[in-house]
PDB file of all heavy atoms in Angstrom:
ATOM      1  N   ALA A   1      10.805 -65.675  58.149  1.00  0.00           N
ATOM      2  CA  ALA A   1       9.889 -66.607  58.652  1.00  0.00           C
ATOM      3  C   ALA A   1      10.061 -67.879  57.740  1.00  0.00           C
ATOM      4  O   ALA A   1       9.626 -69.023  58.191  1.00  0.00           O
ATOM      5  CB  ALA A   1       8.440 -66.044  58.569  1.00  0.00           C
ATOM      6  N   ILE A   2      10.550 -67.723  56.523  1.00  0.00           N
ATOM      7  CA  ILE A   2      10.871 -68.889  55.750  1.00  0.00           C
ATOM      8  C   ILE A   2      12.065 -69.625  56.177  1.00  0.00           C
ATOM      9  O   ILE A   2      13.121 -68.944  56.513  1.00  0.00           O
ATOM     10  CB  ILE A   2      11.083 -68.328  54.293  1.00  0.00           C
ATOM     11  CG1 ILE A   2       9.799 -67.758  53.702  1.00  0.00           C
ATOM     12  CG2 ILE A   2      11.495 -69.502  53.368  1.00  0.00           C
ATOM     13  CD1 ILE A   2      10.048 -67.038  52.346  1.00  0.00           C
ATOM     14  N   PRO A   3      12.044 -70.981  56.194  1.00  0.00           N
ATOM     15  CA  PRO A   3      13.262 -71.776  56.643  1.00  0.00           C
ATOM     16  C   PRO A   3      14.533 -71.371  56.036  1.00  0.00           C
ATOM     17  O   PRO A   3      14.589 -71.635  54.677  1.00  0.00           O
ATOM     18  CB  PRO A   3      12.879 -73.169  56.526  1.00  0.00           C
ATOM     19  CG  PRO A   3      11.378 -73.127  56.433  1.00  0.00           C
ATOM     20  CD  PRO A   3      10.939 -71.788  55.845  1.00  0.00           C
ATOM     21  N   GLY A   4      15.573 -70.916  56.690  1.00  0.00           N
ATOM     22  CA  GLY A   4      16.809 -70.660  56.128  1.00  0.00           C
ATOM     23  C   GLY A   4      16.914 -69.373  55.377  1.00  0.00           C
ATOM     24  O   GLY A   4      18.011 -69.031  54.754  1.00  0.00           O
ATOM     25  N   ALA A   5      15.943 -68.541  55.320  1.00  0.00           N
ATOM     26  CA  ALA A   5      15.844 -67.206  54.505  1.00  0.00           C
ATOM     27  C   ALA A   5      16.728 -66.241  55.248  1.00  0.00           C
ATOM     28  O   ALA A   5      17.123 -66.242  56.370  1.00  0.00           O
ATOM     29  CB  ALA A   5      14.387 -66.709  54.429  1.00  0.00           C
ATOM     30  N   GLU A   6      17.095 -65.240  54.398  1.00  0.00           N
ATOM     31  CA  GLU A   6      18.030 -64.117  54.915  1.00  0.00           C
ATOM     32  C   GLU A   6      17.401 -63.389  56.039  1.00  0.00           C
ATOM     33  O   GLU A   6      16.159 -63.074  56.036  1.00  0.00           O
ATOM     34  CB  GLU A   6      18.235 -63.227  53.710  1.00  0.00           C
ATOM     35  CG  GLU A   6      19.268 -62.136  53.998  1.00  0.00           C
ATOM     36  CD  GLU A   6      19.730 -61.402  52.815  1.00  0.00           C
ATOM     37  OE1 GLU A   6      19.069 -61.600  51.667  1.00  0.00           O
ATOM     38  OE2 GLU A   6      20.613 -60.528  52.715  1.00  0.00           O
ATOM     39  N   ASP A   7      18.153 -63.087  57.035  1.00  0.00           N
ATOM     40  CA  ASP A   7      17.828 -62.430  58.232  1.00  0.00           C
ATOM     41  C   ASP A   7      17.140 -61.075  57.767  1.00  0.00           C
ATOM     42  O   ASP A   7      17.661 -60.322  56.978  1.00  0.00           O
ATOM     43  CB  ASP A   7      18.815 -62.166  59.162  1.00  0.00           C
ATOM     44  CG  ASP A   7      18.574 -61.390  60.394  1.00  0.00           C
ATOM     45  OD1 ASP A   7      17.847 -61.970  61.343  1.00  0.00           O
ATOM     46  OD2 ASP A   7      18.808 -60.226  60.387  1.00  0.00           O
ATOM     47  N   ARG A   8      16.093 -60.648  58.458  1.00  0.00           N
ATOM     48  CA  ARG A   8      15.411 -59.478  58.110  1.00  0.00           C
ATOM     49  C   ARG A   8      16.295 -58.218  58.184  1.00  0.00           C
ATOM     50  O   ARG A   8      16.356 -57.379  57.279  1.00  0.00           O
ATOM     51  CB  ARG A   8      14.135 -59.286  59.031  1.00  0.00           C
ATOM     52  CG  ARG A   8      13.312 -57.948  58.793  1.00  0.00           C
ATOM     53  CD  ARG A   8      13.543 -56.932  59.900  1.00  0.00           C
ATOM     54  NE  ARG A   8      12.658 -55.857  59.693  1.00  0.00           N
ATOM     55  CZ  ARG A   8      12.742 -54.765  60.393  1.00  0.00           C
ATOM     56  NH1 ARG A   8      13.748 -54.582  61.212  1.00  0.00           N
ATOM     57  NH2 ARG A   8      11.875 -53.735  60.136  1.00  0.00           N
ATOM     58  N   ASP A   9      17.010 -58.049  59.254  1.00  0.00           N
ATOM     59  CA  ASP A   9      17.815 -56.782  59.444  1.00  0.00           C
ATOM     60  C   ASP A   9      19.023 -56.891  58.495  1.00  0.00           C
ATOM     61  O   ASP A   9      19.441 -55.898  57.897  1.00  0.00           O
ATOM     62  CB  ASP A   9      18.339 -56.778  60.930  1.00  0.00           C
ATOM     63  CG  ASP A   9      17.195 -56.456  61.829  1.00  0.00           C
ATOM     64  OD1 ASP A   9      16.179 -55.932  61.447  1.00  0.00           O
ATOM     65  OD2 ASP A   9      17.293 -56.871  62.990  1.00  0.00           O
ATOM     66  N   VAL A  10      19.630 -58.078  58.215  1.00  0.00           N
ATOM     67  CA  VAL A  10      20.724 -58.156  57.353  1.00  0.00           C
ATOM     68  C   VAL A  10      20.248 -57.875  55.925  1.00  0.00           C
ATOM     69  O   VAL A  10      21.067 -57.054  55.203  1.00  0.00           O
ATOM     70  CB  VAL A  10      21.354 -59.582  57.424  1.00  0.00           C
ATOM     71  CG1 VAL A  10      22.255 -59.815  56.224  1.00  0.00           C
ATOM     72  CG2 VAL A  10      21.870 -59.949  58.676  1.00  0.00           C
ATOM     73  N   PHE A  11      19.166 -58.225  55.541  1.00  0.00           N
ATOM     74  CA  PHE A  11      18.627 -57.916  54.208  1.00  0.00           C
ATOM     75  C   PHE A  11      18.356 -56.362  54.025  1.00  0.00           C
ATOM     76  O   PHE A  11      18.827 -55.765  53.087  1.00  0.00           O
ATOM     77  CB  PHE A  11      17.333 -58.632  53.855  1.00  0.00           C
ATOM     78  CG  PHE A  11      16.627 -58.340  52.628  1.00  0.00           C
ATOM     79  CD1 PHE A  11      17.334 -58.351  51.428  1.00  0.00           C
ATOM     80  CD2 PHE A  11      15.223 -57.892  52.591  1.00  0.00           C
ATOM     81  CE1 PHE A  11      16.630 -57.903  50.315  1.00  0.00           C
ATOM     82  CE2 PHE A  11      14.631 -57.593  51.480  1.00  0.00           C
ATOM     83  CZ  PHE A  11      15.278 -57.634  50.282  1.00  0.00           C
ATOM     84  N   ARG A  12      17.611 -55.811  54.985  1.00  0.00           N
ATOM     85  CA  ARG A  12      17.468 -54.401  54.905  1.00  0.00           C
ATOM     86  C   ARG A  12      18.671 -53.498  55.032  1.00  0.00           C
ATOM     87  O   ARG A  12      18.924 -52.543  54.213  1.00  0.00           O
ATOM     88  CB  ARG A  12      16.464 -53.958  56.029  1.00  0.00           C
ATOM     89  CG  ARG A  12      15.175 -54.437  55.707  1.00  0.00           C
ATOM     90  CD  ARG A  12      14.180 -54.421  57.025  1.00  0.00           C
ATOM     91  NE  ARG A  12      13.896 -53.040  57.454  1.00  0.00           N
ATOM     92  CZ  ARG A  12      12.943 -52.346  56.866  1.00  0.00           C
ATOM     93  NH1 ARG A  12      12.104 -52.860  55.895  1.00  0.00           N
ATOM     94  NH2 ARG A  12      12.706 -51.133  57.297  1.00  0.00           N
ATOM     95  N   GLU A  13      19.624 -53.849  55.753  1.00  0.00           N
ATOM     96  CA  GLU A  13      20.975 -53.226  55.866  1.00  0.00           C
ATOM     97  C   GLU A  13      21.729 -53.305  54.441  1.00  0.00           C
ATOM     98  O   GLU A  13      22.395 -52.319  54.025  1.00  0.00           O
ATOM     99  CB  GLU A  13      21.878 -53.708  57.010  1.00  0.00           C
ATOM    100  CG  GLU A  13      21.281 -53.426  58.425  1.00  0.00           C
ATOM    101  CD  GLU A  13      22.005 -54.105  59.498  1.00  0.00           C
ATOM    102  OE1 GLU A  13      22.915 -54.896  59.166  1.00  0.00           O
ATOM    103  OE2 GLU A  13      21.497 -54.003  60.685  1.00  0.00           O
ATOM    104  N   ARG A  14      21.604 -54.493  53.857  1.00  0.00           N
ATOM    105  CA  ARG A  14      22.381 -54.643  52.681  1.00  0.00           C
ATOM    106  C   ARG A  14      21.740 -53.881  51.599  1.00  0.00           C
ATOM    107  O   ARG A  14      22.509 -53.151  50.819  1.00  0.00           O
ATOM    108  CB  ARG A  14      22.269 -56.188  52.283  1.00  0.00           C
ATOM    109  CG  ARG A  14      22.518 -56.484  50.888  1.00  0.00           C
ATOM    110  CD  ARG A  14      22.724 -57.962  50.622  1.00  0.00           C
ATOM    111  NE  ARG A  14      21.553 -58.763  50.556  1.00  0.00           N
ATOM    112  CZ  ARG A  14      20.727 -58.802  49.698  1.00  0.00           C
ATOM    113  NH1 ARG A  14      20.755 -58.047  48.591  1.00  0.00           N
ATOM    114  NH2 ARG A  14      19.594 -59.598  49.776  1.00  0.00           N
ATOM    115  N   VAL A  15      20.429 -53.818  51.473  1.00  0.00           N
ATOM    116  CA  VAL A  15      19.821 -52.963  50.477  1.00  0.00           C
ATOM    117  C   VAL A  15      20.095 -51.477  50.669  1.00  0.00           C
ATOM    118  O   VAL A  15      20.464 -50.793  49.628  1.00  0.00           O
ATOM    119  CB  VAL A  15      18.304 -53.214  50.551  1.00  0.00           C
ATOM    120  CG1 VAL A  15      17.507 -52.120  49.597  1.00  0.00           C
ATOM    121  CG2 VAL A  15      17.905 -54.670  49.981  1.00  0.00           C
ATOM    122  N   LEU A  16      19.980 -51.017  51.784  1.00  0.00           N
ATOM    123  CA  LEU A  16      20.275 -49.591  52.045  1.00  0.00           C
ATOM    124  C   LEU A  16      21.741 -49.308  51.780  1.00  0.00           C
ATOM    125  O   LEU A  16      22.037 -48.207  51.218  1.00  0.00           O
ATOM    126  CB  LEU A  16      19.938 -49.275  53.497  1.00  0.00           C
ATOM    127  CG  LEU A  16      20.120 -47.690  53.804  1.00  0.00           C
ATOM    128  CD1 LEU A  16      19.210 -46.845  52.921  1.00  0.00           C
ATOM    129  CD2 LEU A  16      19.720 -47.420  55.219  1.00  0.00           C
ATOM    130  N   ARG A  17      22.647 -50.207  52.140  1.00  0.00           N
ATOM    131  CA  ARG A  17      24.022 -50.014  51.891  1.00  0.00           C
ATOM    132  C   ARG A  17      24.370 -49.942  50.365  1.00  0.00           C
ATOM    133  O   ARG A  17      25.116 -49.038  49.978  1.00  0.00           O
ATOM    134  CB  ARG A  17      24.806 -51.187  52.504  1.00  0.00           C
ATOM    135  CG  ARG A  17      26.366 -51.106  52.228  1.00  0.00           C
ATOM    136  CD  ARG A  17      27.037 -52.079  52.986  1.00  0.00           C
ATOM    137  NE  ARG A  17      26.809 -53.474  52.545  1.00  0.00           N
ATOM    138  CZ  ARG A  17      26.185 -54.392  53.214  1.00  0.00           C
ATOM    139  NH1 ARG A  17      25.889 -54.146  54.507  1.00  0.00           N
ATOM    140  NH2 ARG A  17      25.913 -55.675  52.733  1.00  0.00           N
ATOM    141  N   GLY A  18      23.721 -50.697  49.624  1.00  0.00           N
ATOM    142  CA  GLY A  18      23.876 -50.740  48.123  1.00  0.00           C
ATOM    143  C   GLY A  18      23.427 -49.456  47.574  1.00  0.00           C
ATOM    144  O   GLY A  18      24.121 -48.892  46.656  1.00  0.00           O
ATOM    145  N   PHE A  19      22.180 -48.982  47.850  1.00  0.00           N
ATOM    146  CA  PHE A  19      21.608 -47.813  47.314  1.00  0.00           C
ATOM    147  C   PHE A  19      22.386 -46.558  47.779  1.00  0.00           C
ATOM    148  O   PHE A  19      22.508 -45.704  46.964  1.00  0.00           O
ATOM    149  CB  PHE A  19      20.157 -47.732  47.671  1.00  0.00           C
ATOM    150  CG  PHE A  19      19.257 -48.474  46.614  1.00  0.00           C
ATOM    151  CD1 PHE A  19      19.006 -49.818  46.922  1.00  0.00           C
ATOM    152  CD2 PHE A  19      18.893 -47.958  45.417  1.00  0.00           C
ATOM    153  CE1 PHE A  19      18.105 -50.545  46.008  1.00  0.00           C
ATOM    154  CE2 PHE A  19      18.202 -48.716  44.490  1.00  0.00           C
ATOM    155  CZ  PHE A  19      17.790 -50.022  44.857  1.00  0.00           C
ATOM    156  N   THR A  20      22.839 -46.602  49.046  1.00  0.00           N
ATOM    157  CA  THR A  20      23.556 -45.456  49.634  1.00  0.00           C
ATOM    158  C   THR A  20      24.972 -45.360  48.726  1.00  0.00           C
ATOM    159  O   THR A  20      25.308 -44.294  48.420  1.00  0.00           O
ATOM    160  CB  THR A  20      23.857 -45.613  50.956  1.00  0.00           C
ATOM    161  OG1 THR A  20      22.664 -45.553  51.830  1.00  0.00           O
ATOM    162  CG2 THR A  20      24.718 -44.420  51.582  1.00  0.00           C
ATOM    163  N   ARG A  21      25.532 -46.428  48.452  1.00  0.00           N
ATOM    164  CA  ARG A  21      26.741 -46.386  47.798  1.00  0.00           C
ATOM    165  C   ARG A  21      26.595 -45.952  46.316  1.00  0.00           C
ATOM    166  O   ARG A  21      27.338 -45.144  45.798  1.00  0.00           O
ATOM    167  CB  ARG A  21      27.409 -47.830  47.663  1.00  0.00           C
ATOM    168  CG  ARG A  21      28.775 -47.936  47.027  1.00  0.00           C
ATOM    169  CD  ARG A  21      29.457 -49.250  47.239  1.00  0.00           C
ATOM    170  NE  ARG A  21      28.581 -50.358  46.795  1.00  0.00           N
ATOM    171  CZ  ARG A  21      28.048 -51.262  47.721  1.00  0.00           C
ATOM    172  NH1 ARG A  21      28.380 -51.126  48.963  1.00  0.00           N
ATOM    173  NH2 ARG A  21      27.363 -52.238  47.232  1.00  0.00           N
ATOM    174  N   ILE A  22      25.423 -46.295  45.795  1.00  0.00           N
ATOM    175  CA  ILE A  22      25.223 -45.846  44.404  1.00  0.00           C
ATOM    176  C   ILE A  22      24.834 -44.344  44.437  1.00  0.00           C
ATOM    177  O   ILE A  22      25.521 -43.553  43.624  1.00  0.00           O
ATOM    178  CB  ILE A  22      23.978 -46.574  43.800  1.00  0.00           C
ATOM    179  CG1 ILE A  22      24.356 -48.071  43.521  1.00  0.00           C
ATOM    180  CG2 ILE A  22      23.535 -45.873  42.468  1.00  0.00           C
ATOM    181  CD1 ILE A  22      23.151 -48.887  43.241  1.00  0.00           C
ATOM    182  N   ALA A  23      24.202 -43.869  45.453  1.00  0.00           N
ATOM    183  CA  ALA A  23      23.936 -42.446  45.499  1.00  0.00           C
ATOM    184  C   ALA A  23      25.133 -41.729  45.744  1.00  0.00           C
ATOM    185  O   ALA A  23      25.451 -40.551  45.189  1.00  0.00           O
ATOM    186  CB  ALA A  23      22.859 -42.237  46.643  1.00  0.00           C
ATOM    187  N   ASP A  24      26.105 -42.197  46.540  1.00  0.00           N
ATOM    188  CA  ASP A  24      27.319 -41.556  46.810  1.00  0.00           C
ATOM    189  C   ASP A  24      28.136 -41.341  45.664  1.00  0.00           C
ATOM    190  O   ASP A  24      28.913 -40.329  45.484  1.00  0.00           O
ATOM    191  CB  ASP A  24      28.138 -42.262  47.987  1.00  0.00           C
ATOM    192  CG  ASP A  24      27.557 -42.176  49.410  1.00  0.00           C
ATOM    193  OD1 ASP A  24      26.738 -41.264  49.518  1.00  0.00           O
ATOM    194  OD2 ASP A  24      27.863 -43.040  50.194  1.00  0.00           O
ATOM    195  N   ALA A  25      28.046 -42.303  44.655  1.00  0.00           N
ATOM    196  CA  ALA A  25      28.821 -42.210  43.477  1.00  0.00           C
ATOM    197  C   ALA A  25      28.255 -41.290  42.381  1.00  0.00           C
ATOM    198  O   ALA A  25      28.953 -40.944  41.436  1.00  0.00           O
ATOM    199  CB  ALA A  25      28.999 -43.645  42.812  1.00  0.00           C
ATOM    200  N   HIS A  26      27.045 -40.801  42.658  1.00  0.00           N
ATOM    201  CA  HIS A  26      26.374 -40.012  41.623  1.00  0.00           C
ATOM    202  C   HIS A  26      25.596 -38.750  42.165  1.00  0.00           C
ATOM    203  O   HIS A  26      24.464 -38.626  42.057  1.00  0.00           O
ATOM    204  CB  HIS A  26      25.368 -40.811  40.815  1.00  0.00           C
ATOM    205  CG  HIS A  26      26.087 -42.036  40.198  1.00  0.00           C
ATOM    206  ND1 HIS A  26      26.636 -41.861  38.849  1.00  0.00           N
ATOM    207  CD2 HIS A  26      26.144 -43.324  40.490  1.00  0.00           C
ATOM    208  CE1 HIS A  26      27.166 -43.066  38.562  1.00  0.00           C
ATOM    209  NE2 HIS A  26      26.839 -43.932  39.497  1.00  0.00           N
ATOM    210  N   PRO A  27      26.461 -37.852  42.886  1.00  0.00           N
ATOM    211  CA  PRO A  27      25.698 -36.582  43.268  1.00  0.00           C
ATOM    212  C   PRO A  27      25.211 -35.783  42.064  1.00  0.00           C
ATOM    213  O   PRO A  27      25.832 -35.694  41.105  1.00  0.00           O
ATOM    214  CB  PRO A  27      26.978 -35.905  43.974  1.00  0.00           C
ATOM    215  CG  PRO A  27      28.189 -36.346  43.402  1.00  0.00           C
ATOM    216  CD  PRO A  27      27.848 -37.920  42.972  1.00  0.00           C
ATOM    217  N   ASP A  28      24.059 -35.309  42.239  1.00  0.00           N
ATOM    218  CA  ASP A  28      23.388 -34.400  41.267  1.00  0.00           C
ATOM    219  C   ASP A  28      23.189 -35.196  39.988  1.00  0.00           C
ATOM    220  O   ASP A  28      23.227 -34.509  38.791  1.00  0.00           O
ATOM    221  CB  ASP A  28      24.180 -33.179  41.078  1.00  0.00           C
ATOM    222  CG  ASP A  28      24.128 -32.272  42.169  1.00  0.00           C
ATOM    223  OD1 ASP A  28      23.078 -32.073  42.834  1.00  0.00           O
ATOM    224  OD2 ASP A  28      25.202 -31.664  42.488  1.00  0.00           O
ATOM    225  N   GLU A  29      23.055 -36.469  39.941  1.00  0.00           N
ATOM    226  CA  GLU A  29      22.891 -37.289  38.757  1.00  0.00           C
ATOM    227  C   GLU A  29      21.633 -38.215  38.854  1.00  0.00           C
ATOM    228  O   GLU A  29      21.296 -38.506  39.966  1.00  0.00           O
ATOM    229  CB  GLU A  29      24.126 -38.073  38.406  1.00  0.00           C
ATOM    230  CG  GLU A  29      25.283 -37.157  38.033  1.00  0.00           C
ATOM    231  CD  GLU A  29      26.561 -38.000  37.745  1.00  0.00           C
ATOM    232  OE1 GLU A  29      26.665 -39.175  38.241  1.00  0.00           O
ATOM    233  OE2 GLU A  29      27.338 -37.641  36.904  1.00  0.00           O
ATOM    234  N   GLN A  30      21.278 -38.643  37.757  1.00  0.00           N
ATOM    235  CA  GLN A  30      20.149 -39.687  37.624  1.00  0.00           C
ATOM    236  C   GLN A  30      20.814 -41.019  37.220  1.00  0.00           C
ATOM    237  O   GLN A  30      21.658 -40.922  36.231  1.00  0.00           O
ATOM    238  CB  GLN A  30      19.049 -39.278  36.654  1.00  0.00           C
ATOM    239  CG  GLN A  30      18.215 -38.133  37.013  1.00  0.00           C
ATOM    240  CD  GLN A  30      17.143 -37.782  36.088  1.00  0.00           C
ATOM    241  OE1 GLN A  30      16.899 -38.584  35.055  1.00  0.00           O
ATOM    242  NE2 GLN A  30      16.415 -36.783  36.210  1.00  0.00           N
ATOM    243  N   VAL A  31      20.345 -42.085  37.911  1.00  0.00           N
ATOM    244  CA  VAL A  31      20.820 -43.371  37.555  1.00  0.00           C
ATOM    245  C   VAL A  31      19.749 -44.291  37.529  1.00  0.00           C
ATOM    246  O   VAL A  31      18.746 -44.021  38.107  1.00  0.00           O
ATOM    247  CB  VAL A  31      21.873 -43.968  38.558  1.00  0.00           C
ATOM    248  CG1 VAL A  31      23.165 -42.989  38.566  1.00  0.00           C
ATOM    249  CG2 VAL A  31      21.363 -44.133  39.859  1.00  0.00           C
ATOM    250  N   ALA A  32      19.753 -45.407  36.651  1.00  0.00           N
ATOM    251  CA  ALA A  32      18.777 -46.406  36.599  1.00  0.00           C
ATOM    252  C   ALA A  32      19.304 -47.639  37.337  1.00  0.00           C
ATOM    253  O   ALA A  32      20.398 -48.007  37.101  1.00  0.00           O
ATOM    254  CB  ALA A  32      18.439 -46.786  35.141  1.00  0.00           C
ATOM    255  N   VAL A  33      18.491 -48.194  38.246  1.00  0.00           N
ATOM    256  CA  VAL A  33      18.897 -49.410  39.006  1.00  0.00           C
ATOM    257  C   VAL A  33      17.844 -50.482  38.765  1.00  0.00           C
ATOM    258  O   VAL A  33      16.647 -50.322  39.120  1.00  0.00           O
ATOM    259  CB  VAL A  33      18.931 -49.000  40.551  1.00  0.00           C
ATOM    260  CG1 VAL A  33      19.541 -50.199  41.201  1.00  0.00           C
ATOM    261  CG2 VAL A  33      19.797 -47.809  40.722  1.00  0.00           C
ATOM    262  N   VAL A  34      18.233 -51.502  38.164  1.00  0.00           N
ATOM    263  CA  VAL A  34      17.327 -52.643  37.689  1.00  0.00           C
ATOM    264  C   VAL A  34      17.411 -53.608  38.896  1.00  0.00           C
ATOM    265  O   VAL A  34      18.506 -54.349  39.049  1.00  0.00           O
ATOM    266  CB  VAL A  34      17.695 -53.120  36.451  1.00  0.00           C
ATOM    267  CG1 VAL A  34      16.693 -54.164  35.900  1.00  0.00           C
ATOM    268  CG2 VAL A  34      17.802 -51.995  35.333  1.00  0.00           C
ATOM    269  N   VAL A  35      16.404 -53.777  39.608  1.00  0.00           N
ATOM    270  CA  VAL A  35      16.432 -54.800  40.708  1.00  0.00           C
ATOM    271  C   VAL A  35      15.158 -55.562  40.847  1.00  0.00           C
ATOM    272  O   VAL A  35      14.425 -55.796  39.853  1.00  0.00           O
ATOM    273  CB  VAL A  35      16.663 -53.890  42.063  1.00  0.00           C
ATOM    274  CG1 VAL A  35      18.042 -53.377  42.116  1.00  0.00           C
ATOM    275  CG2 VAL A  35      15.569 -52.654  42.210  1.00  0.00           C
ATOM    276  N   HIS A  36      14.887 -56.084  42.061  1.00  0.00           N
ATOM    277  CA  HIS A  36      13.899 -57.054  42.223  1.00  0.00           C
ATOM    278  C   HIS A  36      12.762 -56.561  43.185  1.00  0.00           C
ATOM    279  O   HIS A  36      12.972 -55.542  43.850  1.00  0.00           O
ATOM    280  CB  HIS A  36      14.465 -58.395  42.914  1.00  0.00           C
ATOM    281  CG  HIS A  36      15.609 -58.812  42.109  1.00  0.00           C
ATOM    282  ND1 HIS A  36      15.529 -59.720  41.091  1.00  0.00           N
ATOM    283  CD2 HIS A  36      17.039 -58.564  42.202  1.00  0.00           C
ATOM    284  CE1 HIS A  36      16.814 -59.992  40.590  1.00  0.00           C
ATOM    285  NE2 HIS A  36      17.646 -59.332  41.253  1.00  0.00           N
ATOM    286  N   GLY A  37      11.646 -57.265  43.140  1.00  0.00           N
ATOM    287  CA  GLY A  37      10.493 -56.821  43.935  1.00  0.00           C
ATOM    288  C   GLY A  37      10.778 -56.759  45.349  1.00  0.00           C
ATOM    289  O   GLY A  37      10.321 -55.805  46.018  1.00  0.00           O
ATOM    290  N   GLY A  38      11.466 -57.681  45.917  1.00  0.00           N
ATOM    291  CA  GLY A  38      11.719 -57.716  47.425  1.00  0.00           C
ATOM    292  C   GLY A  38      12.676 -56.521  47.721  1.00  0.00           C
ATOM    293  O   GLY A  38      12.520 -55.912  48.801  1.00  0.00           O
ATOM    294  N   VAL A  39      13.603 -56.205  46.931  1.00  0.00           N
ATOM    295  CA  VAL A  39      14.562 -55.148  47.104  1.00  0.00           C
ATOM    296  C   VAL A  39      13.802 -53.782  47.074  1.00  0.00           C
ATOM    297  O   VAL A  39      13.983 -52.957  47.869  1.00  0.00           O
ATOM    298  CB  VAL A  39      15.680 -55.171  45.990  1.00  0.00           C
ATOM    299  CG1 VAL A  39      16.595 -53.947  46.130  1.00  0.00           C
ATOM    300  CG2 VAL A  39      16.419 -56.419  46.246  1.00  0.00           C
ATOM    301  N   ILE A  40      12.883 -53.668  45.993  1.00  0.00           N
ATOM    302  CA  ILE A  40      12.180 -52.369  46.045  1.00  0.00           C
ATOM    303  C   ILE A  40      11.290 -52.238  47.251  1.00  0.00           C
ATOM    304  O   ILE A  40      11.276 -51.068  47.814  1.00  0.00           O
ATOM    305  CB  ILE A  40      11.267 -52.384  44.781  1.00  0.00           C
ATOM    306  CG1 ILE A  40      12.135 -52.360  43.497  1.00  0.00           C
ATOM    307  CG2 ILE A  40      10.262 -51.287  44.724  1.00  0.00           C
ATOM    308  CD1 ILE A  40      11.392 -52.616  42.295  1.00  0.00           C
ATOM    309  N   GLY A  41      10.547 -53.256  47.650  1.00  0.00           N
ATOM    310  CA  GLY A  41       9.871 -53.124  48.853  1.00  0.00           C
ATOM    311  C   GLY A  41      10.629 -52.773  50.092  1.00  0.00           C
ATOM    312  O   GLY A  41      10.219 -51.942  50.789  1.00  0.00           O
ATOM    313  N   ALA A  42      11.789 -53.336  50.151  1.00  0.00           N
ATOM    314  CA  ALA A  42      12.622 -53.060  51.391  1.00  0.00           C
ATOM    315  C   ALA A  42      13.218 -51.581  51.313  1.00  0.00           C
ATOM    316  O   ALA A  42      13.024 -50.896  52.349  1.00  0.00           O
ATOM    317  CB  ALA A  42      13.885 -53.975  51.405  1.00  0.00           C
TER     318      ALA A  42
END
């Protein structure tokens, strides 16, 4: 809704893609991911 901001679906797909890739790289492991408030919310 903000002028020129990232598309809602593009943002959510990107976030899920990133966390899925991280999860795929670490089966049965704990990792720490330092991110931002909007990313956490998504």
